[in-house]
N, C-alpha and C. Protein backbone atom coordinates (compact mmCIF):
# COMPACT_ATOMS: atom_id res chain seq x y z
N MET A 1 8.11 -7.81 -20.66
CA MET A 1 9.19 -6.50 -20.23
C MET A 1 9.19 -6.44 -18.93
N ASP A 2 10.44 -6.64 -19.40
CA ASP A 2 11.31 -6.54 -17.71
C ASP A 2 10.64 -5.71 -16.32
N ILE A 3 10.04 -5.77 -15.42
CA ILE A 3 10.39 -4.93 -14.23
C ILE A 3 11.03 -5.25 -12.68
N SER A 4 12.28 -3.99 -12.38
CA SER A 4 13.18 -5.07 -11.31
C SER A 4 12.28 -4.27 -10.40
N GLU A 5 12.16 -5.17 -9.59
CA GLU A 5 11.97 -5.15 -8.15
C GLU A 5 11.41 -3.99 -7.37
N GLU A 6 12.76 -3.29 -7.24
CA GLU A 6 12.13 -1.77 -6.64
C GLU A 6 12.50 -0.82 -7.43
N ILE A 7 11.32 -1.18 -8.58
CA ILE A 7 10.33 -0.10 -9.16
C ILE A 7 9.31 0.07 -8.88
N PHE A 8 8.71 -1.63 -8.67
CA PHE A 8 7.28 -1.98 -8.50
C PHE A 8 7.18 -2.26 -7.16
N ILE A 9 7.80 -1.98 -5.89
CA ILE A 9 7.83 -1.56 -4.77
C ILE A 9 7.50 -0.06 -4.55
N THR A 10 8.23 0.15 -5.24
CA THR A 10 8.42 1.73 -4.75
C THR A 10 6.83 2.37 -5.23
N ASN A 11 6.40 2.02 -6.45
CA ASN A 11 5.22 2.23 -7.37
C ASN A 11 4.24 1.53 -6.58
N LEU A 12 3.81 0.41 -5.83
CA LEU A 12 2.59 0.36 -4.86
C LEU A 12 2.53 1.45 -3.64
N GLY A 13 4.09 1.53 -3.54
CA GLY A 13 4.01 1.99 -2.54
C GLY A 13 3.17 3.93 -2.83
N ILE A 14 3.80 4.33 -3.45
CA ILE A 14 3.12 5.92 -4.48
C ILE A 14 1.36 5.05 -4.76
N HIS A 15 1.22 3.81 -5.19
CA HIS A 15 -0.34 3.52 -4.98
C HIS A 15 -1.06 3.71 -4.08
N ILE A 16 -0.40 2.74 -2.65
CA ILE A 16 -1.42 2.41 -1.70
C ILE A 16 -1.49 4.02 -0.67
N ARG A 17 -0.84 5.50 -0.76
CA ARG A 17 -0.36 5.71 -0.20
C ARG A 17 -1.48 7.22 -1.48
N GLN A 18 -1.75 7.12 -2.30
CA GLN A 18 -2.73 7.91 -2.91
C GLN A 18 -4.13 7.50 -2.76
N LEU A 19 -4.14 5.87 -2.88
CA LEU A 19 -5.18 5.22 -1.92
C LEU A 19 -6.26 5.66 -1.05
N ARG A 20 -5.24 5.72 0.32
CA ARG A 20 -5.10 6.23 1.84
C ARG A 20 -5.19 7.92 1.20
N GLU A 21 -5.10 8.25 0.63
CA GLU A 21 -6.24 10.23 0.42
C GLU A 21 -6.96 10.44 0.35
N LYS A 22 -6.42 9.53 -1.10
CA LYS A 22 -8.80 9.76 -1.52
C LYS A 22 -8.89 9.02 -0.56
N LYS A 23 -9.34 8.29 0.33
CA LYS A 23 -10.24 8.46 1.37
C LYS A 23 -10.56 8.68 2.17
N GLY A 24 -9.75 9.41 2.55
CA GLY A 24 -9.08 10.86 3.66
C GLY A 24 -8.68 9.73 4.52
N LEU A 25 -6.92 8.80 4.56
CA LEU A 25 -7.17 8.83 5.38
C LEU A 25 -6.35 8.89 6.12
N SER A 26 -5.17 9.11 7.20
CA SER A 26 -4.05 9.17 7.24
C SER A 26 -3.48 8.03 7.48
N GLN A 27 -2.44 7.57 7.39
CA GLN A 27 -1.69 6.84 8.07
C GLN A 27 -1.87 5.90 9.53
N GLN A 28 -1.93 6.78 10.15
CA GLN A 28 -2.88 6.23 11.67
C GLN A 28 -4.03 5.57 11.36
N ALA A 29 -4.61 5.89 10.90
CA ALA A 29 -6.23 5.31 10.66
C ALA A 29 -5.95 4.57 9.95
N LEU A 30 -5.06 4.51 8.34
CA LEU A 30 -4.85 3.24 7.87
C LEU A 30 -4.43 1.60 8.75
N ALA A 31 -3.46 2.47 9.71
CA ALA A 31 -2.75 1.26 10.18
C ALA A 31 -4.04 0.89 11.04
N ASP A 32 -4.69 1.05 12.16
CA ASP A 32 -5.40 1.06 13.08
C ASP A 32 -6.39 -0.05 12.91
N ASP A 33 -7.36 0.71 10.91
CA ASP A 33 -7.79 -0.61 10.66
C ASP A 33 -7.76 -1.57 10.72
N CYS A 34 -5.78 -1.62 9.91
CA CYS A 34 -5.16 -2.90 9.22
C CYS A 34 -4.76 -3.66 10.47
N ASP A 35 -5.05 -2.41 11.74
CA ASP A 35 -4.16 -3.38 12.94
C ASP A 35 -2.77 -3.77 13.19
N ILE A 36 -2.67 -3.22 12.21
CA ILE A 36 -1.03 -2.66 12.04
C ILE A 36 -0.17 -1.54 12.82
N ARG A 37 1.36 -1.46 12.85
CA ARG A 37 1.78 0.05 12.87
C ARG A 37 1.49 0.91 12.42
N LYS A 38 1.89 2.42 12.56
CA LYS A 38 1.28 3.64 11.37
C LYS A 38 2.11 3.65 10.40
N THR A 39 3.59 3.26 11.76
CA THR A 39 5.71 2.64 10.98
C THR A 39 5.83 2.46 9.90
N GLN A 40 4.71 1.39 9.90
CA GLN A 40 4.61 -0.29 8.26
C GLN A 40 4.17 0.54 7.65
N ILE A 41 3.18 1.29 8.19
CA ILE A 41 2.38 1.80 6.56
C ILE A 41 3.37 2.96 6.08
N GLY A 42 4.20 4.04 6.76
CA GLY A 42 5.40 4.89 6.48
C GLY A 42 6.25 3.53 5.23
N ARG A 43 6.41 2.77 5.98
CA ARG A 43 7.05 2.27 5.72
C ARG A 43 7.52 1.09 4.13
N ILE A 44 5.67 1.15 4.05
CA ILE A 44 5.17 0.45 2.83
C ILE A 44 4.97 1.50 1.44
N GLU A 45 4.53 2.37 2.15
CA GLU A 45 4.41 4.10 1.39
C GLU A 45 6.14 4.96 0.84
N ARG A 46 6.83 4.53 1.99
CA ARG A 46 8.60 5.14 0.97
C ARG A 46 8.74 4.01 0.78
N ALA A 47 8.54 2.58 0.10
CA ALA A 47 8.82 1.80 -0.36
C ALA A 47 10.05 0.99 0.02
N GLU A 48 10.50 1.20 1.61
CA GLU A 48 11.63 0.68 2.59
C GLU A 48 11.42 -0.50 2.79
N ILE A 49 10.36 -1.23 2.80
CA ILE A 49 9.94 -2.42 2.30
C ILE A 49 9.09 -3.41 1.29
N ASN A 50 8.92 -4.40 1.79
CA ASN A 50 8.54 -5.85 0.73
C ASN A 50 7.53 -5.86 1.89
N THR A 51 6.86 -6.05 1.51
CA THR A 51 5.30 -6.31 2.51
C THR A 51 4.95 -7.67 1.60
N THR A 52 3.95 -7.83 3.16
CA THR A 52 3.59 -8.98 2.45
C THR A 52 1.72 -10.04 2.14
N ILE A 53 1.71 -10.84 1.57
CA ILE A 53 0.21 -10.58 0.83
C ILE A 53 -0.83 -9.84 1.86
N LYS A 54 -0.71 -10.90 3.17
CA LYS A 54 -1.81 -10.54 3.79
C LYS A 54 -1.53 -9.27 4.09
N THR A 55 -0.61 -9.02 4.49
CA THR A 55 -0.59 -7.00 4.87
C THR A 55 -1.79 -6.68 3.80
N LEU A 56 -1.48 -6.86 2.65
CA LEU A 56 -1.96 -5.78 1.02
C LEU A 56 -2.93 -6.35 1.24
N VAL A 57 -3.91 -7.50 1.82
CA VAL A 57 -5.03 -7.88 2.20
C VAL A 57 -5.62 -7.14 2.78
N LYS A 58 -5.15 -6.60 4.79
CA LYS A 58 -5.54 -5.86 5.09
C LYS A 58 -5.63 -5.20 4.42
N ILE A 59 -4.82 -4.05 4.04
CA ILE A 59 -4.92 -2.85 3.62
C ILE A 59 -6.16 -2.68 2.74
N ALA A 60 -5.93 -3.64 1.88
CA ALA A 60 -7.54 -3.77 0.46
C ALA A 60 -8.62 -3.50 1.03
N ASN A 61 -8.98 -4.10 2.88
CA ASN A 61 -9.86 -4.96 3.51
C ASN A 61 -10.33 -3.00 4.01
N ALA A 62 -9.35 -2.35 4.29
CA ALA A 62 -9.56 -1.49 4.97
C ALA A 62 -9.17 -0.37 3.28
N LEU A 63 -9.45 0.09 3.43
CA LEU A 63 -9.95 0.89 2.14
C LEU A 63 -10.63 0.23 1.22
N ASP A 64 -11.24 -0.72 1.78
CA ASP A 64 -12.83 -1.18 0.87
C ASP A 64 -12.70 -1.47 -1.06
N ILE A 65 -11.58 -2.01 -0.71
CA ILE A 65 -11.67 -2.40 -2.79
C ILE A 65 -10.88 -3.88 -2.95
N GLU A 66 -11.05 -4.42 -4.00
CA GLU A 66 -10.26 -5.68 -3.93
C GLU A 66 -8.52 -5.40 -4.20
N PRO A 67 -7.73 -6.98 -3.33
CA PRO A 67 -7.18 -6.93 -3.43
C PRO A 67 -6.50 -6.30 -4.39
N LYS A 68 -6.41 -7.04 -5.45
CA LYS A 68 -5.95 -6.62 -7.32
C LYS A 68 -6.12 -5.36 -7.98
N GLU A 69 -6.97 -4.52 -7.09
CA GLU A 69 -6.24 -3.16 -7.17
C GLU A 69 -5.59 -2.31 -6.85
N LEU A 70 -4.89 -2.72 -5.82
CA LEU A 70 -3.82 -2.63 -5.11
C LEU A 70 -3.00 -2.06 -6.40
N LEU A 71 -2.50 -3.86 -6.98
CA LEU A 71 -1.42 -4.11 -7.69
C LEU A 71 -1.76 -2.91 -9.17
N ASP A 72 -3.03 -2.47 -9.79
CA ASP A 72 -3.32 -2.27 -10.62
C ASP A 72 -2.70 -0.38 -10.77
N PHE A 73 -1.59 -0.39 -11.40
CA PHE A 73 -1.19 0.79 -10.83
C PHE A 73 -0.07 0.85 -12.09
N PRO A 74 0.09 1.81 -12.69
CA PRO A 74 0.69 2.59 -13.66
C PRO A 74 2.32 2.26 -13.45
N LEU A 75 3.35 1.60 -14.33
CA LEU A 75 4.53 1.42 -13.60
C LEU A 75 5.91 3.18 -14.23
N LYS A 76 6.35 3.53 -13.65
CA LYS A 76 6.68 5.06 -13.25
C LYS A 76 8.01 5.33 -13.31
């Protein structure tokens, strides 16, 4: 199955937003927990940037989930 990078990054951003909202966190609260800027969280969620594995690990830790769970989402 061929997956375009754009579709994957878009779906990743949607998934991160859903996980964040499920935990009841604002973008600012998640950013604070990750020690990154709120604008970076927003850009990840809107698929404006291709984030690093290091940042994904920070996000997973802040959401109290395994990093692999960030990548477990259906592609639309």
